[in-house]
PDB file of N, CA and C in Angstrom:
ATOM      1  N   UNK A   1      34.714  15.505   4.286  1.00  0.00           N
ATOM      2  CA  UNK A   1      34.364  15.877   3.468  1.00  0.00           C
ATOM      3  C   UNK A   1      35.166  17.646   3.241  1.00  0.00           C
ATOM      4  N   UNK A   2      36.073  18.082   3.979  1.00  0.00           N
ATOM      5  CA  UNK A   2      37.107  19.369   3.624  1.00  0.00           C
ATOM      6  C   UNK A   2      38.068  18.313   2.251  1.00  0.00           C
ATOM      7  N   UNK A   3      38.385  17.777   2.903  1.00  0.00           N
ATOM      8  CA  UNK A   3      39.529  16.697   1.684  1.00  0.00           C
ATOM      9  C   UNK A   3      39.088  16.893   0.332  1.00  0.00           C
ATOM     10  N   UNK A   4      38.222  15.919   0.044  1.00  0.00           N
ATOM     11  CA  UNK A   4      37.261  15.879  -0.279  1.00  0.00           C
ATOM     12  C   UNK A   4      37.216  17.201  -1.603  1.00  0.00           C
ATOM     13  N   UNK A   5      36.779  17.534  -0.813  1.00  0.00           N
ATOM     14  CA  UNK A   5      36.095  19.554  -1.354  1.00  0.00           C
ATOM     15  C   UNK A   5      37.648  20.205  -1.962  1.00  0.00           C
ATOM     16  N   UNK A   6      38.777  19.769  -1.490  1.00  0.00           N
ATOM     17  CA  UNK A   6      39.793  20.293  -1.952  1.00  0.00           C
ATOM     18  C   UNK A   6      40.954  19.357  -2.996  1.00  0.00           C
ATOM     19  N   UNK A   7      40.280  18.353  -3.434  1.00  0.00           N
ATOM     20  CA  UNK A   7      41.443  17.083  -4.312  1.00  0.00           C
ATOM     21  C   UNK A   7      40.807  17.525  -5.717  1.00  0.00           C
ATOM     22  N   UNK A   8      42.061  17.836  -6.598  1.00  0.00           N
ATOM     23  CA  UNK A   8      41.749  18.427  -7.401  1.00  0.00           C
ATOM     24  C   UNK A   8      42.537  17.447  -8.626  1.00  0.00           C
ATOM     25  N   UNK A   9      41.807  16.479  -9.102  1.00  0.00           N
ATOM     26  CA  UNK A   9      42.288  15.387 -10.136  1.00  0.00           C
ATOM     27  C   UNK A   9      42.280  15.503 -11.702  1.00  0.00           C
ATOM     28  N   UNK A  10      41.601  17.049 -12.083  1.00  0.00           N
ATOM     29  CA  UNK A  10      41.828  17.656 -13.058  1.00  0.00           C
ATOM     30  C   UNK A  10      42.961  16.729 -13.968  1.00  0.00           C
ATOM     31  N   UNK A  11      44.127  17.187 -13.832  1.00  0.00           N
ATOM     32  CA  UNK A  11      45.215  16.624 -14.518  1.00  0.00           C
ATOM     33  C   UNK A  11      45.535  15.410 -14.704  1.00  0.00           C
ATOM     34  N   UNK A  12      44.858  14.390 -14.137  1.00  0.00           N
ATOM     35  CA  UNK A  12      45.420  13.177 -14.201  1.00  0.00           C
ATOM     36  C   UNK A  12      44.063  12.182 -14.663  1.00  0.00           C
ATOM     37  N   UNK A  13      43.077  12.881 -14.898  1.00  0.00           N
ATOM     38  CA  UNK A  13      41.830  12.359 -15.622  1.00  0.00           C
ATOM     39  C   UNK A  13      42.290  11.619 -17.012  1.00  0.00           C
ATOM     40  N   UNK A  14      43.019  12.129 -17.785  1.00  0.00           N
ATOM     41  CA  UNK A  14      43.102  11.439 -19.095  1.00  0.00           C
ATOM     42  C   UNK A  14      44.227  10.065 -19.030  1.00  0.00           C
ATOM     43  N   UNK A  15      44.673  10.253 -17.920  1.00  0.00           N
ATOM     44  CA  UNK A  15      45.670   9.198 -17.636  1.00  0.00           C
ATOM     45  C   UNK A  15      44.857   7.681 -17.545  1.00  0.00           C
ATOM     46  N   UNK A  16      43.521   8.051 -17.154  1.00  0.00           N
ATOM     47  CA  UNK A  16      42.961   6.498 -17.160  1.00  0.00           C
ATOM     48  C   UNK A  16      42.272   6.077 -18.154  1.00  0.00           C
ATOM     49  N   UNK A  17      43.040   4.773 -18.131  1.00  0.00           N
ATOM     50  CA  UNK A  17      42.816   4.067 -19.034  1.00  0.00           C
ATOM     51  C   UNK A  17      41.816   3.104 -19.029  1.00  0.00           C
ATOM     52  N   UNK A  18      41.338   2.774 -17.724  1.00  0.00           N
ATOM     53  CA  UNK A  18      40.442   1.831 -17.213  1.00  0.00           C
ATOM     54  C   UNK A  18      38.864   2.465 -17.769  1.00  0.00           C
ATOM     55  N   UNK A  19      38.107   0.991 -17.994  1.00  0.00           N
ATOM     56  CA  UNK A  19      36.883   1.149 -17.676  1.00  0.00           C
ATOM     57  C   UNK A  19      36.007   1.988 -16.860  1.00  0.00           C
ATOM     58  N   UNK A  20      35.838   2.985 -16.735  1.00  0.00           N
ATOM     59  CA  UNK A  20      35.030   3.356 -15.841  1.00  0.00           C
ATOM     60  C   UNK A  20      33.548   4.429 -16.286  1.00  0.00           C
ATOM     61  N   UNK A  21      33.141   4.142 -15.159  1.00  0.00           N
ATOM     62  CA  UNK A  21      32.009   4.987 -15.193  1.00  0.00           C
ATOM     63  C   UNK A  21      31.150   5.565 -13.874  1.00  0.00           C
ATOM     64  N   UNK A  22      30.678   6.939 -14.009  1.00  0.00           N
ATOM     65  CA  UNK A  22      30.554   7.973 -13.123  1.00  0.00           C
ATOM     66  C   UNK A  22      28.974   8.161 -13.140  1.00  0.00           C
ATOM     67  N   UNK A  23      28.853   8.388 -12.022  1.00  0.00           N
ATOM     68  CA  UNK A  23      27.006   8.091 -11.409  1.00  0.00           C
ATOM     69  C   UNK A  23      27.333   9.246 -10.422  1.00  0.00           C
ATOM     70  N   UNK A  24      26.030  10.565 -10.866  1.00  0.00           N
ATOM     71  CA  UNK A  24      26.028  11.501 -10.514  1.00  0.00           C
ATOM     72  C   UNK A  24      24.838  11.952 -10.180  1.00  0.00           C
ATOM     73  N   UNK A  25      24.016  12.334  -9.242  1.00  0.00           N
ATOM     74  CA  UNK A  25      22.502  13.123  -9.234  1.00  0.00           C
ATOM     75  C   UNK A  25      22.862  14.961  -9.806  1.00  0.00           C
ATOM     76  N   UNK A  26      21.503  14.981 -10.738  1.00  0.00           N
ATOM     77  CA  UNK A  26      21.817  16.294 -11.524  1.00  0.00           C
ATOM     78  C   UNK A  26      21.219  17.693 -10.580  1.00  0.00           C
ATOM     79  N   UNK A  27      20.742  17.193  -9.542  1.00  0.00           N
ATOM     80  CA  UNK A  27      20.479  17.978  -8.646  1.00  0.00           C
ATOM     81  C   UNK A  27      21.736  17.984  -7.197  1.00  0.00           C
ATOM     82  N   UNK A  28      22.440  17.349  -7.144  1.00  0.00           N
ATOM     83  CA  UNK A  28      23.165  16.774  -6.243  1.00  0.00           C
ATOM     84  C   UNK A  28      23.640  18.076  -5.141  1.00  0.00           C
ATOM     85  N   UNK A  29      23.310  18.428  -3.899  1.00  0.00           N
ATOM     86  CA  UNK A  29      23.602  19.643  -3.270  1.00  0.00           C
ATOM     87  C   UNK A  29      25.136  19.981  -2.785  1.00  0.00           C
ATOM     88  N   UNK A  30      25.698  18.806  -2.845  1.00  0.00           N
ATOM     89  CA  UNK A  30      27.307  18.668  -2.414  1.00  0.00           C
ATOM     90  C   UNK A  30      27.965  19.029  -3.673  1.00  0.00           C
ATOM     91  N   UNK A  31      28.136  17.869  -4.618  1.00  0.00           N
ATOM     92  CA  UNK A  31      29.172  18.475  -5.839  1.00  0.00           C
ATOM     93  C   UNK A  31      27.833  18.888  -6.605  1.00  0.00           C
ATOM     94  N   UNK A  32      28.625  19.365  -8.034  1.00  0.00           N
ATOM     95  CA  UNK A  32      27.753  20.218  -9.007  1.00  0.00           C
ATOM     96  C   UNK A  32      27.723  18.743 -10.288  1.00  0.00           C
ATOM     97  N   UNK A  33      26.797  18.754 -10.655  1.00  0.00           N
ATOM     98  CA  UNK A  33      26.802  17.672 -11.872  1.00  0.00           C
ATOM     99  C   UNK A  33      27.743  18.109 -13.317  1.00  0.00           C
ATOM    100  N   UNK A  34      27.782  19.321 -13.000  1.00  0.00           N
ATOM    101  CA  UNK A  34      29.247  19.755 -14.490  1.00  0.00           C
ATOM    102  C   UNK A  34      30.390  19.029 -13.843  1.00  0.00           C
ATOM    103  N   UNK A  35      30.937  19.056 -12.605  1.00  0.00           N
ATOM    104  CA  UNK A  35      32.071  18.313 -12.267  1.00  0.00           C
ATOM    105  C   UNK A  35      32.398  16.785 -12.825  1.00  0.00           C
ATOM    106  N   UNK A  36      30.848  16.068 -12.644  1.00  0.00           N
ATOM    107  CA  UNK A  36      31.215  14.737 -13.398  1.00  0.00           C
ATOM    108  C   UNK A  36      30.951  14.948 -14.944  1.00  0.00           C
ATOM    109  N   UNK A  37      30.085  15.708 -15.250  1.00  0.00           N
ATOM    110  CA  UNK A  37      30.148  15.536 -16.675  1.00  0.00           C
ATOM    111  C   UNK A  37      31.607  16.668 -16.975  1.00  0.00           C
ATOM    112  N   UNK A  38      32.509  17.150 -16.781  1.00  0.00           N
ATOM    113  CA  UNK A  38      33.895  17.119 -17.090  1.00  0.00           C
ATOM    114  C   UNK A  38      34.354  16.137 -17.015  1.00  0.00           C
ATOM    115  N   UNK A  39      34.296  15.272 -15.708  1.00  0.00           N
ATOM    116  CA  UNK A  39      34.848  13.940 -15.638  1.00  0.00           C
ATOM    117  C   UNK A  39      35.337  13.018 -16.951  1.00  0.00           C
ATOM    118  N   UNK A  40      33.973  13.123 -17.022  1.00  0.00           N
ATOM    119  CA  UNK A  40      33.486  11.789 -17.812  1.00  0.00           C
ATOM    120  C   UNK A  40      34.234  11.855 -19.457  1.00  0.00           C
ATOM    121  N   UNK A  41      34.198  13.954 -19.630  1.00  0.00           N
ATOM    122  CA  UNK A  41      34.773  14.012 -20.774  1.00  0.00           C
ATOM    123  C   UNK A  41      36.342  14.344 -20.870  1.00  0.00           C
ATOM    124  N   UNK A  42      36.914  13.859 -19.937  1.00  0.00           N
ATOM    125  CA  UNK A  42      38.031  14.231 -19.846  1.00  0.00           C
ATOM    126  C   UNK A  42      38.619  12.489 -19.662  1.00  0.00           C
ATOM    127  N   UNK A  43      37.780  11.647 -19.115  1.00  0.00           N
ATOM    128  CA  UNK A  43      38.166   9.903 -19.377  1.00  0.00           C
ATOM    129  C   UNK A  43      38.158   9.484 -20.562  1.00  0.00           C
ATOM    130  N   UNK A  44      38.869   9.311 -21.523  1.00  0.00           N
ATOM    131  CA  UNK A  44      38.150   7.989 -22.771  1.00  0.00           C
ATOM    132  C   UNK A  44      37.562   6.803 -22.209  1.00  0.00           C
ATOM    133  N   UNK A  45      36.425   7.443 -23.150  1.00  0.00           N
ATOM    134  CA  UNK A  45      35.382   6.002 -22.979  1.00  0.00           C
ATOM    135  C   UNK A  45      34.412   5.836 -21.722  1.00  0.00           C
ATOM    136  N   UNK A  46      34.548   6.671 -21.123  1.00  0.00           N
ATOM    137  CA  UNK A  46      34.084   7.057 -19.358  1.00  0.00           C
ATOM    138  C   UNK A  46      32.356   6.747 -19.869  1.00  0.00           C
ATOM    139  N   UNK A  47      31.344   6.649 -18.988  1.00  0.00           N
ATOM    140  CA  UNK A  47      30.186   6.179 -19.236  1.00  0.00           C
ATOM    141  C   UNK A  47      29.719   7.221 -18.003  1.00  0.00           C
ATOM    142  N   UNK A  48      28.659   8.455 -18.067  1.00  0.00           N
ATOM    143  CA  UNK A  48      28.033   8.630 -17.473  1.00  0.00           C
ATOM    144  C   UNK A  48      26.561   8.400 -17.730  1.00  0.00           C
ATOM    145  N   UNK A  49      26.175   8.718 -16.219  1.00  0.00           N
ATOM    146  CA  UNK A  49      24.813   8.282 -15.715  1.00  0.00           C
ATOM    147  C   UNK A  49      24.402   9.091 -14.800  1.00  0.00           C
ATOM    148  N   UNK A  50      23.579   9.898 -15.287  1.00  0.00           N
ATOM    149  CA  UNK A  50      23.201  11.409 -14.776  1.00  0.00           C
ATOM    150  C   UNK A  50      21.699  11.081 -14.275  1.00  0.00           C
ATOM    151  N   UNK A  51      21.479  10.519 -13.168  1.00  0.00           N
ATOM    152  CA  UNK A  51      20.108  10.714 -11.761  1.00  0.00           C
ATOM    153  C   UNK A  51      19.528  11.637 -11.209  1.00  0.00           C
ATOM    154  N   UNK A  52      18.286  11.533 -11.486  1.00  0.00           N
ATOM    155  CA  UNK A  52      17.555  12.140 -11.046  1.00  0.00           C
ATOM    156  C   UNK A  52      17.384  12.759  -9.594  1.00  0.00           C
ATOM    157  N   UNK A  53      17.452  13.701  -8.353  1.00  0.00           N
ATOM    158  CA  UNK A  53      17.758  13.800  -7.415  1.00  0.00           C
ATOM    159  C   UNK A  53      18.651  15.125  -6.592  1.00  0.00           C
ATOM    160  N   UNK A  54      18.481  15.275  -5.300  1.00  0.00           N
ATOM    161  CA  UNK A  54      19.057  15.907  -4.723  1.00  0.00           C
ATOM    162  C   UNK A  54      20.380  15.468  -3.432  1.00  0.00           C
ATOM    163  N   UNK A  55      20.099  14.464  -3.450  1.00  0.00           N
ATOM    164  CA  UNK A  55      21.014  13.412  -2.334  1.00  0.00           C
ATOM    165  C   UNK A  55      22.331  13.254  -2.731  1.00  0.00           C
ATOM    166  N   UNK A  56      23.446  13.428  -2.154  1.00  0.00           N
ATOM    167  CA  UNK A  56      24.912  12.818  -2.252  1.00  0.00           C
ATOM    168  C   UNK A  56      24.931  11.374  -2.313  1.00  0.00           C
ATOM    169  N   UNK A  57      24.505  10.919  -1.227  1.00  0.00           N
ATOM    170  CA  UNK A  57      25.012   9.866  -0.643  1.00  0.00           C
ATOM    171  C   UNK A  57      23.723   8.811  -1.540  1.00  0.00           C
ATOM    172  N   UNK A  58      24.073   8.072  -2.423  1.00  0.00           N
ATOM    173  CA  UNK A  58      23.262   6.656  -3.269  1.00  0.00           C
ATOM    174  C   UNK A  58      22.629   6.050  -2.265  1.00  0.00           C
ATOM    175  N   UNK A  59      22.613   5.750  -0.977  1.00  0.00           N
ATOM    176  CA  UNK A  59      21.837   5.037  -0.464  1.00  0.00           C
ATOM    177  C   UNK A  59      20.345   5.487   0.393  1.00  0.00           C
ATOM    178  N   UNK A  60      20.369   6.872   0.113  1.00  0.00           N
ATOM    179  CA  UNK A  60      19.199   8.037   0.485  1.00  0.00           C
ATOM    180  C   UNK A  60      17.822   7.450  -0.398  1.00  0.00           C
ATOM    181  N   UNK A  61      18.447   7.788  -1.819  1.00  0.00           N
ATOM    182  CA  UNK A  61      17.090   7.625  -2.847  1.00  0.00           C
ATOM    183  C   UNK A  61      17.519   6.687  -3.821  1.00  0.00           C
ATOM    184  N   UNK A  62      16.511   5.580  -3.613  1.00  0.00           N
ATOM    185  CA  UNK A  62      16.925   5.083  -5.159  1.00  0.00           C
ATOM    186  C   UNK A  62      18.370   4.283  -5.158  1.00  0.00           C
ATOM    187  N   UNK A  63      18.850   3.717  -3.810  1.00  0.00           N
ATOM    188  CA  UNK A  63      20.133   3.045  -4.449  1.00  0.00           C
ATOM    189  C   UNK A  63      19.933   2.135  -4.850  1.00  0.00           C
ATOM    190  N   UNK A  64      19.170   1.267  -5.376  1.00  0.00           N
ATOM    191  CA  UNK A  64      18.744   0.306  -6.155  1.00  0.00           C
ATOM    192  C   UNK A  64      18.767   0.421  -7.688  1.00  0.00           C
ATOM    193  N   UNK A  65      18.874   1.388  -7.931  1.00  0.00           N
ATOM    194  CA  UNK A  65      18.566   1.709  -9.517  1.00  0.00           C
ATOM    195  C   UNK A  65      20.076   2.090  -9.607  1.00  0.00           C
ATOM    196  N   UNK A  66      20.888   2.773  -8.630  1.00  0.00           N
ATOM    197  CA  UNK A  66      22.336   2.773  -8.722  1.00  0.00           C
ATOM    198  C   UNK A  66      22.920   1.369  -9.132  1.00  0.00           C
ATOM    199  N   UNK A  67      22.608   0.962  -7.927  1.00  0.00           N
ATOM    200  CA  UNK A  67      23.413  -0.680  -7.906  1.00  0.00           C
ATOM    201  C   UNK A  67      22.686  -1.243  -9.223  1.00  0.00           C
ATOM    202  N   UNK A  68      22.056  -1.309  -9.638  1.00  0.00           N
ATOM    203  CA  UNK A  68      21.247  -2.175 -10.921  1.00  0.00           C
ATOM    204  C   UNK A  68      22.099  -1.653 -12.301  1.00  0.00           C
ATOM    205  N   UNK A  69      22.458  -0.029 -12.188  1.00  0.00           N
ATOM    206  CA  UNK A  69      23.949   0.379 -13.171  1.00  0.00           C
ATOM    207  C   UNK A  69      24.816  -0.147 -13.094  1.00  0.00           C
ATOM    208  N   UNK A  70      25.647  -0.471 -11.814  1.00  0.00           N
ATOM    209  CA  UNK A  70      26.846  -0.759 -11.283  1.00  0.00           C
ATOM    210  C   UNK A  70      26.938  -2.407 -12.181  1.00  0.00           C
ATOM    211  N   UNK A  71      25.695  -3.205 -12.007  1.00  0.00           N
ATOM    212  CA  UNK A  71      25.824  -4.931 -11.886  1.00  0.00           C
ATOM    213  C   UNK A  71      25.964  -4.388 -13.869  1.00  0.00           C
ATOM    214  N   UNK A  72      24.893  -3.354 -14.450  1.00  0.00           N
ATOM    215  CA  UNK A  72      25.038  -3.694 -15.755  1.00  0.00           C
ATOM    216  C   UNK A  72      25.648  -3.611 -16.436  1.00  0.00           C
ATOM    217  N   UNK A  73      27.207  -2.291 -15.751  1.00  0.00           N
ATOM    218  CA  UNK A  73      28.506  -1.785 -16.021  1.00  0.00           C
ATOM    219  C   UNK A  73      29.309  -2.774 -16.268  1.00  0.00           C
ATOM    220  N   UNK A  74      29.169  -3.362 -14.654  1.00  0.00           N
ATOM    221  CA  UNK A  74      30.230  -4.530 -14.629  1.00  0.00           C
ATOM    222  C   UNK A  74      30.347  -5.503 -14.695  1.00  0.00           C
ATOM    223  N   UNK A  75      28.785  -6.420 -15.259  1.00  0.00           N
ATOM    224  CA  UNK A  75      28.649  -7.768 -16.293  1.00  0.00           C
ATOM    225  C   UNK A  75      28.296  -7.442 -17.593  1.00  0.00           C
ATOM    226  N   UNK A  76      27.554  -6.508 -17.888  1.00  0.00           N
ATOM    227  CA  UNK A  76      26.918  -6.806 -19.092  1.00  0.00           C
ATOM    228  C   UNK A  76      25.480  -7.071 -19.173  1.00  0.00           C
ATOM    229  N   UNK A  77      24.978  -7.508 -17.589  1.00  0.00           N
ATOM    230  CA  UNK A  77      23.525  -7.390 -17.797  1.00  0.00           C
ATOM    231  C   UNK A  77      23.161  -7.403 -16.283  1.00  0.00           C
ATOM    232  N   UNK A  78      21.571  -7.728 -16.110  1.00  0.00           N
ATOM    233  CA  UNK A  78      21.227  -7.842 -14.785  1.00  0.00           C
ATOM    234  C   UNK A  78      20.580  -9.084 -14.615  1.00  0.00           C
ATOM    235  N   UNK A  79      20.661  -9.254 -13.287  1.00  0.00           N
ATOM    236  CA  UNK A  79      19.869 -10.901 -13.164  1.00  0.00           C
ATOM    237  C   UNK A  79      18.919 -11.160 -12.665  1.00  0.00           C
ATOM    238  N   UNK A  80      18.865 -12.195 -13.047  1.00  0.00           N
ATOM    239  CA  UNK A  80      16.839 -11.916 -12.561  1.00  0.00           C
ATOM    240  C   UNK A  80      17.020 -12.114 -11.194  1.00  0.00           C
ATOM    241  N   UNK A  81      16.217 -11.113 -10.573  1.00  0.00           N
ATOM    242  CA  UNK A  81      15.819 -11.080  -9.216  1.00  0.00           C
ATOM    243  C   UNK A  81      14.655 -11.684  -8.695  1.00  0.00           C
ATOM    244  N   UNK A  82      14.450 -12.512  -7.726  1.00  0.00           N
ATOM    245  CA  UNK A  82      13.458 -12.912  -6.998  1.00  0.00           C
ATOM    246  C   UNK A  82      12.368 -12.070  -7.170  1.00  0.00           C
ATOM    247  N   UNK A  83      10.855 -12.279  -7.067  1.00  0.00           N
ATOM    248  CA  UNK A  83       9.736 -11.315  -7.809  1.00  0.00           C
ATOM    249  C   UNK A  83       9.388 -11.226  -5.882  1.00  0.00           C
ATOM    250  N   UNK A  84       8.848  -9.774  -5.947  1.00  0.00           N
ATOM    251  CA  UNK A  84       8.267  -9.554  -4.418  1.00  0.00           C
ATOM    252  C   UNK A  84       7.181  -9.789  -4.260  1.00  0.00           C
ATOM    253  N   UNK A  85       6.278 -10.603  -5.038  1.00  0.00           N
ATOM    254  CA  UNK A  85       5.001 -11.222  -5.284  1.00  0.00           C
ATOM    255  C   UNK A  85       5.258 -12.281  -4.911  1.00  0.00           C
ATOM    256  N   UNK A  86       3.881 -13.051  -4.219  1.00  0.00           N
ATOM    257  CA  UNK A  86       3.412 -14.359  -4.428  1.00  0.00           C
ATOM    258  C   UNK A  86       2.250 -14.484  -4.525  1.00  0.00           C
ATOM    259  N   UNK A  87       1.905 -15.856  -5.048  1.00  0.00           N
ATOM    260  CA  UNK A  87       0.884 -15.904  -5.756  1.00  0.00           C
ATOM    261  C   UNK A  87       0.412 -17.380  -4.832  1.00  0.00           C
ATOM    262  N   UNK A  88      -0.538 -17.147  -3.900  1.00  0.00           N
ATOM    263  CA  UNK A  88      -0.394 -18.120  -3.083  1.00  0.00           C
ATOM    264  C   UNK A  88      -2.444 -19.087  -2.993  1.00  0.00           C
ATOM    265  N   UNK A  89      -2.397 -20.104  -3.252  1.00  0.00           N
ATOM    266  CA  UNK A  89      -4.045 -20.184  -3.458  1.00  0.00           C
ATOM    267  C   UNK A  89      -4.324 -21.051  -2.181  1.00  0.00           C
ATOM    268  N   UNK A  90      -5.506 -20.629  -1.505  1.00  0.00           N
ATOM    269  CA  UNK A  90      -5.876 -20.816  -0.883  1.00  0.00           C
ATOM    270  C   UNK A  90      -7.369 -21.656  -0.573  1.00  0.00           C
ATOM    271  N   UNK A  91      -6.965 -23.433  -0.131  1.00  0.00           N
ATOM    272  CA  UNK A  91      -8.174 -24.232  -0.400  1.00  0.00           C
ATOM    273  C   UNK A  91      -8.774 -24.296   1.098  1.00  0.00           C
ATOM    274  N   UNK A  92     -10.086 -24.178   1.293  1.00  0.00           N
ATOM    275  CA  UNK A  92     -10.918 -24.212   2.403  1.00  0.00           C
ATOM    276  C   UNK A  92     -12.032 -25.482   2.079  1.00  0.00           C
ATOM    277  N   UNK A  93     -12.111 -26.279   2.694  1.00  0.00           N
ATOM    278  CA  UNK A  93     -12.757 -27.519   2.209  1.00  0.00           C
ATOM    279  C   UNK A  93     -13.868 -27.731   3.673  1.00  0.00           C
ATOM    280  N   UNK A  94     -14.927 -27.451   3.281  1.00  0.00           N
ATOM    281  CA  UNK A  94     -16.294 -27.486   4.608  1.00  0.00           C
ATOM    282  C   UNK A  94     -16.587 -29.006   3.817  1.00  0.00           C
ATOM    283  N   UNK A  95     -16.762 -30.435   5.135  1.00  0.00           N
ATOM    284  CA  UNK A  95     -16.710 -31.063   4.981  1.00  0.00           C
ATOM    285  C   UNK A  95     -18.297 -31.682   5.377  1.00  0.00           C
ATOM    286  N   UNK A  96     -19.148 -31.771   4.822  1.00  0.00           N
ATOM    287  CA  UNK A  96     -20.150 -31.792   4.912  1.00  0.00           C
ATOM    288  C   UNK A  96     -20.360 -33.063   6.084  1.00  0.00           C
ATOM    289  N   UNK A  97     -21.217 -32.776   7.419  1.00  0.00           N
ATOM    290  CA  UNK A  97     -21.188 -33.839   7.672  1.00  0.00           C
ATOM    291  C   UNK A  97     -20.358 -34.553   8.550  1.00  0.00           C
ATOM    292  N   UNK A  98     -19.349 -33.790   9.079  1.00  0.00           N
ATOM    293  CA  UNK A  98     -17.947 -33.923   9.544  1.00  0.00           C
ATOM    294  C   UNK A  98     -18.144 -34.375  10.989  1.00  0.00           C
ATOM    295  N   UNK A  99     -18.821 -33.424  11.936  1.00  0.00           N
ATOM    296  CA  UNK A  99     -19.289 -33.866  13.245  1.00  0.00           C
ATOM    297  C   UNK A  99     -19.765 -35.073  13.812  1.00  0.00           C
ATOM    298  N   UNK A 100     -20.682 -35.816  12.737  1.00  0.00           N
ATOM    299  CA  UNK A 100     -21.259 -37.075  12.725  1.00  0.00           C
ATOM    300  C   UNK A 100     -20.144 -37.867  12.208  1.00  0.00           C
ATOM    301  N   UNK A 101     -19.272 -37.449  11.483  1.00  0.00           N
ATOM    302  CA  UNK A 101     -18.378 -38.510  10.997  1.00  0.00           C
ATOM    303  C   UNK A 101     -17.520 -39.079  12.017  1.00  0.00           C
ATOM    304  N   UNK A 102     -16.668 -37.983  12.451  1.00  0.00           N
ATOM    305  CA  UNK A 102     -15.985 -38.242  13.499  1.00  0.00           C
ATOM    306  C   UNK A 102     -16.325 -39.014  14.539  1.00  0.00           C
ATOM    307  N   UNK A 103     -17.918 -38.705  14.614  1.00  0.00           N
ATOM    308  CA  UNK A 103     -18.338 -39.527  16.103  1.00  0.00           C
ATOM    309  C   UNK A 103     -18.509 -41.004  15.946  1.00  0.00           C
ATOM    310  N   UNK A 104     -18.609 -41.257  14.465  1.00  0.00           N
ATOM    311  CA  UNK A 104     -18.734 -42.662  14.179  1.00  0.00           C
ATOM    312  C   UNK A 104     -17.357 -43.098  14.357  1.00  0.00           C
ATOM    313  N   UNK A 105     -16.642 -42.197  13.144  1.00  0.00           N
ATOM    314  CA  UNK A 105     -15.219 -43.033  13.233  1.00  0.00           C
ATOM    315  C   UNK A 105     -14.619 -43.484  14.538  1.00  0.00           C
ATOM    316  N   UNK A 106     -14.525 -42.501  15.620  1.00  0.00           N
ATOM    317  CA  UNK A 106     -13.390 -42.386  16.411  1.00  0.00           C
ATOM    318  C   UNK A 106     -12.495 -41.351  15.629  1.00  0.00           C
ATOM    319  N   UNK A 107     -11.357 -40.361  16.636  1.00  0.00           N
ATOM    320  CA  UNK A 107     -10.389 -39.521  16.219  1.00  0.00           C
ATOM    321  C   UNK A 107      -9.729 -40.327  15.561  1.00  0.00           C
ATOM    322  N   UNK A 108      -9.029 -41.465  15.592  1.00  0.00           N
ATOM    323  CA  UNK A 108      -7.980 -42.070  15.148  1.00  0.00           C
ATOM    324  C   UNK A 108      -8.237 -42.386  13.491  1.00  0.00           C
ATOM    325  N   UNK A 109      -9.177 -42.497  13.200  1.00  0.00           N
ATOM    326  CA  UNK A 109      -9.900 -42.671  11.611  1.00  0.00           C
ATOM    327  C   UNK A 109     -10.204 -42.332  11.148  1.00  0.00           C
ATOM    328  N   UNK A 110     -10.687 -40.700  12.204  1.00  0.00           N
ATOM    329  CA  UNK A 110     -10.892 -39.716  11.247  1.00  0.00           C
ATOM    330  C   UNK A 110      -9.728 -38.516  10.780  1.00  0.00           C
ATOM    331  N   UNK A 111      -8.629 -38.958  11.537  1.00  0.00           N
ATOM    332  CA  UNK A 111      -7.231 -38.329  11.470  1.00  0.00           C
ATOM    333  C   UNK A 111      -6.808 -38.956  10.140  1.00  0.00           C
ATOM    334  N   UNK A 112      -6.730 -40.185  10.200  1.00  0.00           N
ATOM    335  CA  UNK A 112      -6.095 -41.306   8.273  1.00  0.00           C
ATOM    336  C   UNK A 112      -6.987 -40.842   8.016  1.00  0.00           C
ATOM    337  N   UNK A 113      -8.262 -40.513   7.437  1.00  0.00           N
ATOM    338  CA  UNK A 113      -9.142 -39.761   6.720  1.00  0.00           C
ATOM    339  C   UNK A 113      -8.877 -38.620   6.120  1.00  0.00           C
ATOM    340  N   UNK A 114      -8.696 -37.733   7.190  1.00  0.00           N
ATOM    341  CA  UNK A 114      -8.287 -36.215   7.001  1.00  0.00           C
ATOM    342  C   UNK A 114      -6.875 -36.433   5.821  1.00  0.00           C
ATOM    343  N   UNK A 115      -6.043 -36.958   6.325  1.00  0.00           N
ATOM    344  CA  UNK A 115      -4.421 -37.398   6.512  1.00  0.00           C
ATOM    345  C   UNK A 115      -4.591 -37.979   4.821  1.00  0.00           C
ATOM    346  N   UNK A 116      -5.417 -39.041   4.028  1.00  0.00           N
ATOM    347  CA  UNK A 116      -5.773 -39.463   2.987  1.00  0.00           C
ATOM    348  C   UNK A 116      -6.325 -37.978   2.115  1.00  0.00           C
ATOM    349  N   UNK A 117      -7.484 -37.169   2.719  1.00  0.00           N
ATOM    350  CA  UNK A 117      -7.332 -36.405   1.845  1.00  0.00           C
ATOM    351  C   UNK A 117      -6.285 -35.014   1.723  1.00  0.00           C
ATOM    352  N   UNK A 118      -5.779 -35.177   2.571  1.00  0.00           N
ATOM    353  CA  UNK A 118      -4.813 -33.856   2.291  1.00  0.00           C
ATOM    354  C   UNK A 118      -3.868 -34.186   1.453  1.00  0.00           C
ATOM    355  N   UNK A 119      -3.391 -35.439   1.227  1.00  0.00           N
ATOM    356  CA  UNK A 119      -2.092 -36.065   0.420  1.00  0.00           C
ATOM    357  C   UNK A 119      -2.818 -36.098  -0.745  1.00  0.00           C
ATOM    358  N   UNK A 120      -4.087 -36.413  -1.067  1.00  0.00           N
ATOM    359  CA  UNK A 120      -4.940 -36.099  -2.725  1.00  0.00           C
ATOM    360  C   UNK A 120      -4.754 -34.870  -3.328  1.00  0.00           C
ATOM    361  N   UNK A 121      -5.283 -34.070  -1.949  1.00  0.00           N
ATOM    362  CA  UNK A 121      -5.610 -32.549  -2.780  1.00  0.00           C
ATOM    363  C   UNK A 121      -4.138 -31.942  -2.768  1.00  0.00           C
TER     364      UNK A 121
END
């Protein structure tokens, strides 16, 4: 961290000619957002993304939002996400008189009858 605080890249920023995106939290307690704004101004065509929050480590708060910005920057779009929820249907069937029917048919025929029922459902 000491070395990172002492690095001064101001004189090389205008030499950066690659697509550049700078992501910074506006309330970052490690590095002031003004530094990110300065870098974005000095790099031609740089994109600055300011996000709310105070944590310097991206994974602490809202890492998914940051990853979405990175994906959008690198690919030009966001991939379709798998839904986090699933709609499922549960069918409960109460077969009236099943006890008597099992006794009449026997276990083997009853299982066969239930198998036919389940395949149709």
